Structures are given as structure tokens and as C-alpha cells.
Amino acid sequence: MLEEALEHLVKGIVDHDEDVVVRRKELRRGELLEVRVHPDDLGRVIGRSGRTASAL
């Protein structure tokens, strides 16, 4: 459920929404959500000084 919400948010800020992929990984220290986007959209997702990525 969390993956779908994050995917929806990321698709709203990128130009190539068909290339957005969100994966859940289980680690020893907890869970990790990995977001992959088109290279042209990477700056939009990260944002200035990582602000957008931190907010997501």
C-alpha cells in the first residue's frame, strides 16, 4: 500500500511517468523503498539539496 502511494506521488512530479518503478526491499534493519525514474526526471525527484526526496 505504501508503495502505491509513493508511486502516485512520484508520477505526479515527473515527465516520464511510465518509467516510475517503486520496489520494497527487506533489510536486516527494516524495509527500504527504492524508486527508479527516467534519467531526465532524476533532478525533479531529488530536488534542490534533496528536499523533494526527503519530503517524499
N, C-alpha and C. Protein backbone atom coordinates (compact mmCIF):
# COMPACT_ATOMS: atom_id res chain seq x y z
N MET A 1 0.82 -1.19 0.00
CA MET A 1 0.00 0.00 0.00
C MET A 1 0.87 1.26 0.00
N LEU A 2 1.92 1.26 0.79
CA LEU A 2 2.81 2.40 0.84
C LEU A 2 3.52 2.59 -0.50
N GLU A 3 3.83 1.48 -1.17
CA GLU A 3 4.48 1.57 -2.48
C GLU A 3 3.59 2.30 -3.49
N GLU A 4 2.31 1.98 -3.48
CA GLU A 4 1.38 2.61 -4.41
C GLU A 4 1.25 4.10 -4.15
N ALA A 5 1.23 4.49 -2.89
CA ALA A 5 1.12 5.91 -2.55
C ALA A 5 2.36 6.67 -3.00
N LEU A 6 3.54 6.10 -2.76
CA LEU A 6 4.78 6.75 -3.18
C LEU A 6 4.85 6.83 -4.70
N GLU A 7 4.45 5.77 -5.38
CA GLU A 7 4.45 5.77 -6.84
C GLU A 7 3.52 6.85 -7.38
N HIS A 8 2.37 7.01 -6.79
CA HIS A 8 1.41 8.04 -7.21
C HIS A 8 2.01 9.44 -7.04
N LEU A 9 2.66 9.69 -5.92
CA LEU A 9 3.28 10.99 -5.67
C LEU A 9 4.40 11.28 -6.67
N VAL A 10 5.24 10.29 -6.92
CA VAL A 10 6.37 10.50 -7.84
C VAL A 10 5.86 10.70 -9.26
N LYS A 11 4.86 9.93 -9.68
CA LYS A 11 4.32 10.10 -11.03
C LYS A 11 3.74 11.50 -11.24
N GLY A 12 3.32 12.14 -10.17
CA GLY A 12 2.76 13.48 -10.28
C GLY A 12 3.79 14.57 -10.53
N ILE A 13 5.07 14.29 -10.28
CA ILE A 13 6.08 15.33 -10.45
C ILE A 13 7.05 15.07 -11.60
N VAL A 14 6.94 13.94 -12.28
CA VAL A 14 7.86 13.61 -13.37
C VAL A 14 7.19 13.78 -14.72
N ASP A 15 8.02 13.85 -15.78
CA ASP A 15 7.50 13.93 -17.14
C ASP A 15 7.28 12.55 -17.75
N HIS A 16 8.10 11.58 -17.38
CA HIS A 16 8.03 10.22 -17.93
C HIS A 16 7.44 9.29 -16.88
N ASP A 17 6.14 9.43 -16.62
CA ASP A 17 5.53 8.65 -15.54
C ASP A 17 5.47 7.15 -15.83
N GLU A 18 5.61 6.75 -17.08
CA GLU A 18 5.60 5.32 -17.40
C GLU A 18 6.88 4.62 -16.95
N ASP A 19 7.93 5.39 -16.66
CA ASP A 19 9.21 4.81 -16.23
C ASP A 19 9.37 4.76 -14.72
N VAL A 20 8.36 5.14 -13.96
CA VAL A 20 8.45 5.13 -12.50
C VAL A 20 8.23 3.72 -11.98
N VAL A 21 9.19 3.25 -11.17
CA VAL A 21 9.11 1.92 -10.56
C VAL A 21 9.45 2.07 -9.08
N VAL A 22 8.59 1.53 -8.22
CA VAL A 22 8.84 1.55 -6.78
C VAL A 22 8.90 0.10 -6.31
N ARG A 23 9.98 -0.23 -5.61
CA ARG A 23 10.16 -1.60 -5.09
C ARG A 23 10.39 -1.56 -3.59
N ARG A 24 9.88 -2.56 -2.92
CA ARG A 24 10.10 -2.72 -1.47
C ARG A 24 11.17 -3.79 -1.29
N LYS A 25 12.17 -3.46 -0.47
CA LYS A 25 13.22 -4.42 -0.16
C LYS A 25 13.25 -4.62 1.35
N GLU A 26 13.39 -5.86 1.75
CA GLU A 26 13.50 -6.21 3.17
C GLU A 26 14.98 -6.26 3.53
N LEU A 27 15.36 -5.48 4.51
CA LEU A 27 16.73 -5.47 5.01
C LEU A 27 16.74 -5.92 6.46
N ARG A 28 17.92 -6.20 6.97
CA ARG A 28 18.02 -6.60 8.38
C ARG A 28 17.55 -5.48 9.31
N ARG A 29 17.80 -4.25 8.91
CA ARG A 29 17.45 -3.11 9.75
C ARG A 29 16.04 -2.58 9.48
N GLY A 30 15.31 -3.19 8.57
CA GLY A 30 13.95 -2.73 8.28
C GLY A 30 13.65 -2.83 6.80
N GLU A 31 12.70 -2.04 6.36
CA GLU A 31 12.29 -2.04 4.96
C GLU A 31 12.85 -0.83 4.25
N LEU A 32 13.06 -0.98 2.94
CA LEU A 32 13.57 0.09 2.10
C LEU A 32 12.67 0.19 0.88
N LEU A 33 12.25 1.40 0.54
CA LEU A 33 11.50 1.61 -0.69
C LEU A 33 12.46 2.24 -1.70
N GLU A 34 12.63 1.56 -2.82
CA GLU A 34 13.54 2.02 -3.87
C GLU A 34 12.71 2.62 -5.00
N VAL A 35 13.07 3.81 -5.44
CA VAL A 35 12.35 4.49 -6.51
C VAL A 35 13.28 4.63 -7.71
N ARG A 36 12.82 4.19 -8.85
CA ARG A 36 13.58 4.33 -10.10
C ARG A 36 12.75 5.18 -11.06
N VAL A 37 13.42 6.14 -11.70
CA VAL A 37 12.76 7.04 -12.64
C VAL A 37 13.63 7.20 -13.88
N HIS A 38 13.07 7.82 -14.90
CA HIS A 38 13.80 8.14 -16.13
C HIS A 38 14.94 9.10 -15.77
N PRO A 39 16.11 8.95 -16.40
CA PRO A 39 17.24 9.83 -16.07
C PRO A 39 16.94 11.32 -16.18
N ASP A 40 16.08 11.70 -17.10
CA ASP A 40 15.73 13.12 -17.26
C ASP A 40 14.92 13.65 -16.08
N ASP A 41 14.27 12.77 -15.33
CA ASP A 41 13.43 13.18 -14.20
C ASP A 41 14.14 13.08 -12.86
N LEU A 42 15.36 12.62 -12.86
CA LEU A 42 16.07 12.39 -11.61
C LEU A 42 16.19 13.67 -10.77
N GLY A 43 16.51 14.78 -11.41
CA GLY A 43 16.63 16.05 -10.69
C GLY A 43 15.33 16.50 -10.07
N ARG A 44 14.23 16.25 -10.73
CA ARG A 44 12.92 16.63 -10.18
C ARG A 44 12.58 15.83 -8.94
N VAL A 45 12.92 14.56 -8.94
CA VAL A 45 12.59 13.70 -7.81
C VAL A 45 13.51 14.01 -6.62
N ILE A 46 14.77 14.25 -6.89
CA ILE A 46 15.70 14.56 -5.80
C ILE A 46 15.45 15.97 -5.28
N GLY A 47 15.30 16.93 -6.18
CA GLY A 47 15.05 18.30 -5.77
C GLY A 47 16.32 19.01 -5.34
N ARG A 48 16.19 20.26 -5.04
CA ARG A 48 17.33 21.06 -4.63
C ARG A 48 17.80 20.62 -3.25
N SER A 49 19.03 20.21 -3.17
CA SER A 49 19.65 19.70 -1.92
C SER A 49 18.88 18.52 -1.32
N GLY A 50 18.16 17.78 -2.15
CA GLY A 50 17.45 16.59 -1.68
C GLY A 50 16.14 16.89 -0.96
N ARG A 51 15.65 18.10 -1.08
CA ARG A 51 14.42 18.48 -0.34
C ARG A 51 13.21 17.68 -0.79
N THR A 52 13.04 17.50 -2.10
CA THR A 52 11.87 16.78 -2.59
C THR A 52 11.93 15.31 -2.16
N ALA A 53 13.10 14.70 -2.31
CA ALA A 53 13.25 13.30 -1.92
C ALA A 53 13.00 13.13 -0.43
N SER A 54 13.48 14.04 0.36
CA SER A 54 13.24 13.95 1.82
C SER A 54 11.77 14.12 2.16
N ALA A 55 11.09 15.00 1.45
CA ALA A 55 9.68 15.23 1.71
C ALA A 55 8.84 14.00 1.35
N LEU A 56 9.23 13.34 0.26
CA LEU A 56 8.50 12.13 -0.14
C LEU A 56 8.73 11.04 0.86
